[in-house]
Amino acid sequence: MEQAPDHERIFARFERASRAENFGGLGLGLYLARQVVQAHGGTISVVSAPGEGATFHLRLPLAAASGTTASA
């Protein structure tokens, strides 16, 4: 699956998919989301098409990266 150039760029710090005049915010939401997901050993990605919206895929491991399992 080919990714549009913006698909990776929108996860960078202070980046936006839309112009500032159209929407508020600092451009940190997806950057922070990626940082948290990666800290837990997971991945986050996006699939989108112009005018069709976007779908974000979040994948987290079931067990800790060190091989230990979480206790309830």
N, C-alpha and C. Protein backbone atom coordinates (compact mmCIF):
# COMPACT_ATOMS: atom_id res chain seq x y z
N MET A 1 0.84 -1.17 0.00
CA MET A 1 0.00 0.00 0.00
C MET A 1 0.89 1.24 0.00
N GLU A 2 0.69 2.12 -0.93
CA GLU A 2 1.48 3.33 -1.04
C GLU A 2 0.93 4.40 -0.11
N GLN A 3 1.84 5.12 0.55
CA GLN A 3 1.42 6.17 1.45
C GLN A 3 1.63 7.54 0.82
N ALA A 4 0.67 8.43 1.01
CA ALA A 4 0.82 9.80 0.56
C ALA A 4 1.90 10.47 1.40
N PRO A 5 2.58 11.49 0.85
CA PRO A 5 3.63 12.18 1.61
C PRO A 5 3.15 12.72 2.96
N ASP A 6 1.90 13.15 3.03
CA ASP A 6 1.38 13.70 4.28
C ASP A 6 1.17 12.64 5.35
N HIS A 7 1.06 11.38 4.97
CA HIS A 7 0.77 10.34 5.96
C HIS A 7 1.87 10.24 7.01
N GLU A 8 3.10 10.39 6.65
CA GLU A 8 4.18 10.35 7.63
C GLU A 8 4.38 11.73 8.26
N ARG A 9 4.23 12.78 7.48
CA ARG A 9 4.46 14.15 7.95
C ARG A 9 3.52 14.53 9.09
N ILE A 10 2.28 14.09 9.08
CA ILE A 10 1.32 14.53 10.09
C ILE A 10 1.66 14.02 11.49
N PHE A 11 2.56 13.05 11.60
CA PHE A 11 2.98 12.56 12.91
C PHE A 11 4.18 13.33 13.46
N ALA A 12 4.68 14.31 12.71
CA ALA A 12 5.81 15.13 13.17
C ALA A 12 5.32 16.24 14.10
N ARG A 13 6.21 16.72 14.94
CA ARG A 13 5.89 17.76 15.90
C ARG A 13 5.53 19.06 15.17
N PHE A 14 4.44 19.69 15.58
CA PHE A 14 3.94 20.97 15.06
C PHE A 14 3.49 20.90 13.60
N GLU A 15 3.19 19.72 13.10
CA GLU A 15 2.70 19.58 11.73
C GLU A 15 1.18 19.48 11.74
N ARG A 16 0.58 19.89 10.64
CA ARG A 16 -0.87 19.86 10.49
C ARG A 16 -1.21 19.31 9.11
N ALA A 17 -2.36 18.69 9.01
CA ALA A 17 -2.84 18.23 7.71
C ALA A 17 -3.56 19.36 6.99
N SER A 18 -4.12 20.29 7.78
CA SER A 18 -4.86 21.42 7.21
C SER A 18 -4.20 22.73 7.61
N ARG A 19 -4.55 23.78 6.92
CA ARG A 19 -4.01 25.10 7.22
C ARG A 19 -4.54 25.61 8.55
N ALA A 20 -3.76 26.42 9.24
CA ALA A 20 -4.13 26.96 10.55
C ALA A 20 -5.42 27.77 10.49
N GLU A 21 -5.70 28.40 9.36
CA GLU A 21 -6.92 29.21 9.23
C GLU A 21 -8.17 28.34 9.30
N ASN A 22 -8.05 27.07 8.92
CA ASN A 22 -9.20 26.18 8.87
C ASN A 22 -9.51 25.53 10.22
N PHE A 23 -8.49 25.22 11.00
CA PHE A 23 -8.67 24.51 12.26
C PHE A 23 -7.67 25.02 13.28
N GLY A 24 -8.04 25.00 14.55
CA GLY A 24 -7.13 25.41 15.62
C GLY A 24 -6.22 24.27 16.03
N GLY A 25 -5.39 24.53 17.02
CA GLY A 25 -4.50 23.51 17.55
C GLY A 25 -3.06 23.79 17.22
N LEU A 26 -2.18 23.06 17.91
CA LEU A 26 -0.74 23.27 17.76
C LEU A 26 -0.06 22.26 16.84
N GLY A 27 -0.77 21.22 16.45
CA GLY A 27 -0.14 20.19 15.63
C GLY A 27 0.67 19.22 16.46
N LEU A 28 0.24 18.99 17.70
CA LEU A 28 0.97 18.08 18.59
C LEU A 28 0.23 16.78 18.87
N GLY A 29 -1.05 16.71 18.58
CA GLY A 29 -1.86 15.54 18.95
C GLY A 29 -1.35 14.22 18.40
N LEU A 30 -1.14 14.15 17.09
CA LEU A 30 -0.67 12.90 16.49
C LEU A 30 0.78 12.61 16.86
N TYR A 31 1.57 13.66 17.04
CA TYR A 31 2.96 13.48 17.48
C TYR A 31 2.97 12.83 18.87
N LEU A 32 2.18 13.37 19.79
CA LEU A 32 2.12 12.80 21.15
C LEU A 32 1.56 11.38 21.13
N ALA A 33 0.55 11.15 20.31
CA ALA A 33 -0.03 9.81 20.21
C ALA A 33 1.03 8.81 19.77
N ARG A 34 1.82 9.17 18.75
CA ARG A 34 2.87 8.27 18.27
C ARG A 34 3.91 8.03 19.35
N GLN A 35 4.30 9.06 20.10
CA GLN A 35 5.30 8.90 21.15
C GLN A 35 4.82 7.92 22.23
N VAL A 36 3.57 8.04 22.63
CA VAL A 36 3.01 7.14 23.65
C VAL A 36 2.93 5.71 23.12
N VAL A 37 2.43 5.56 21.90
CA VAL A 37 2.30 4.22 21.30
C VAL A 37 3.67 3.56 21.15
N GLN A 38 4.66 4.30 20.67
CA GLN A 38 6.00 3.74 20.50
C GLN A 38 6.63 3.40 21.85
N ALA A 39 6.35 4.18 22.88
CA ALA A 39 6.89 3.90 24.21
C ALA A 39 6.36 2.57 24.74
N HIS A 40 5.21 2.16 24.26
CA HIS A 40 4.61 0.88 24.67
C HIS A 40 4.90 -0.23 23.67
N GLY A 41 5.79 0.02 22.71
CA GLY A 41 6.18 -1.01 21.76
C GLY A 41 5.22 -1.20 20.61
N GLY A 42 4.37 -0.22 20.34
CA GLY A 42 3.38 -0.35 19.29
C GLY A 42 3.65 0.54 18.10
N THR A 43 2.68 0.56 17.20
CA THR A 43 2.75 1.39 16.01
C THR A 43 1.42 2.09 15.78
N ILE A 44 1.47 3.22 15.10
CA ILE A 44 0.26 3.94 14.69
C ILE A 44 0.47 4.35 13.24
N SER A 45 -0.56 4.19 12.42
CA SER A 45 -0.47 4.55 11.02
C SER A 45 -1.83 5.08 10.56
N VAL A 46 -1.84 5.63 9.35
CA VAL A 46 -3.07 6.22 8.81
C VAL A 46 -3.27 5.76 7.37
N VAL A 47 -4.53 5.58 7.01
CA VAL A 47 -4.94 5.30 5.64
C VAL A 47 -5.98 6.36 5.30
N SER A 48 -5.77 7.09 4.21
CA SER A 48 -6.74 8.13 3.85
C SER A 48 -6.71 8.40 2.36
N ALA A 49 -7.75 9.07 1.92
CA ALA A 49 -7.85 9.54 0.54
C ALA A 49 -8.48 10.92 0.59
N PRO A 50 -8.07 11.83 -0.29
CA PRO A 50 -8.63 13.18 -0.29
C PRO A 50 -10.16 13.16 -0.35
N GLY A 51 -10.78 13.89 0.56
CA GLY A 51 -12.23 13.98 0.59
C GLY A 51 -12.95 12.79 1.18
N GLU A 52 -12.21 11.77 1.62
CA GLU A 52 -12.81 10.54 2.13
C GLU A 52 -12.60 10.34 3.63
N GLY A 53 -11.89 11.23 4.30
CA GLY A 53 -11.60 11.05 5.71
C GLY A 53 -10.37 10.21 5.91
N ALA A 54 -10.14 9.79 7.14
CA ALA A 54 -8.94 9.02 7.47
C ALA A 54 -9.28 7.93 8.48
N THR A 55 -8.54 6.83 8.40
CA THR A 55 -8.65 5.74 9.37
C THR A 55 -7.27 5.56 9.98
N PHE A 56 -7.21 5.62 11.31
CA PHE A 56 -5.95 5.43 12.02
C PHE A 56 -5.92 4.02 12.59
N HIS A 57 -4.78 3.35 12.43
CA HIS A 57 -4.59 1.99 12.94
C HIS A 57 -3.58 2.06 14.08
N LEU A 58 -3.98 1.58 15.22
CA LEU A 58 -3.15 1.55 16.42
C LEU A 58 -2.91 0.09 16.78
N ARG A 59 -1.64 -0.28 16.89
CA ARG A 59 -1.29 -1.66 17.25
C ARG A 59 -0.40 -1.65 18.47
N LEU A 60 -0.81 -2.37 19.50
CA LEU A 60 -0.04 -2.50 20.73
C LEU A 60 0.20 -3.97 21.01
N PRO A 61 1.37 -4.30 21.55
CA PRO A 61 1.65 -5.71 21.87
C PRO A 61 0.79 -6.18 23.04
N LEU A 62 0.46 -7.46 23.04
CA LEU A 62 -0.32 -8.03 24.15
C LEU A 62 0.52 -8.17 25.40
N ALA A 63 1.80 -8.42 25.25
CA ALA A 63 2.71 -8.60 26.38
C ALA A 63 3.77 -7.51 26.33
N ALA A 64 4.40 -7.27 27.47
CA ALA A 64 5.48 -6.28 27.53
C ALA A 64 6.61 -6.70 26.59
N ALA A 65 7.33 -5.73 26.07
CA ALA A 65 8.40 -6.00 25.12
C ALA A 65 9.51 -6.86 25.72
N SER A 66 9.67 -6.83 27.03
CA SER A 66 10.73 -7.61 27.67
C SER A 66 10.40 -9.10 27.78
N GLY A 67 9.19 -9.45 27.36
CA GLY A 67 8.79 -10.85 27.41
C GLY A 67 7.99 -11.21 28.65
N THR A 68 7.81 -10.26 29.55
CA THR A 68 7.01 -10.53 30.74
C THR A 68 5.56 -10.23 30.42
N THR A 69 4.66 -10.84 31.15
CA THR A 69 3.25 -10.60 30.95
C THR A 69 2.73 -9.71 32.06
N ALA A 70 1.70 -8.95 31.74
CA ALA A 70 1.09 -8.05 32.74
C ALA A 70 0.24 -8.87 33.68
N SER A 71 0.22 -8.47 34.94
CA SER A 71 -0.64 -9.15 35.90
C SER A 71 -1.88 -8.33 36.15
N ALA A 72 -2.97 -8.99 36.48
CA ALA A 72 -4.25 -8.29 36.68
C ALA A 72 -4.37 -7.73 38.06
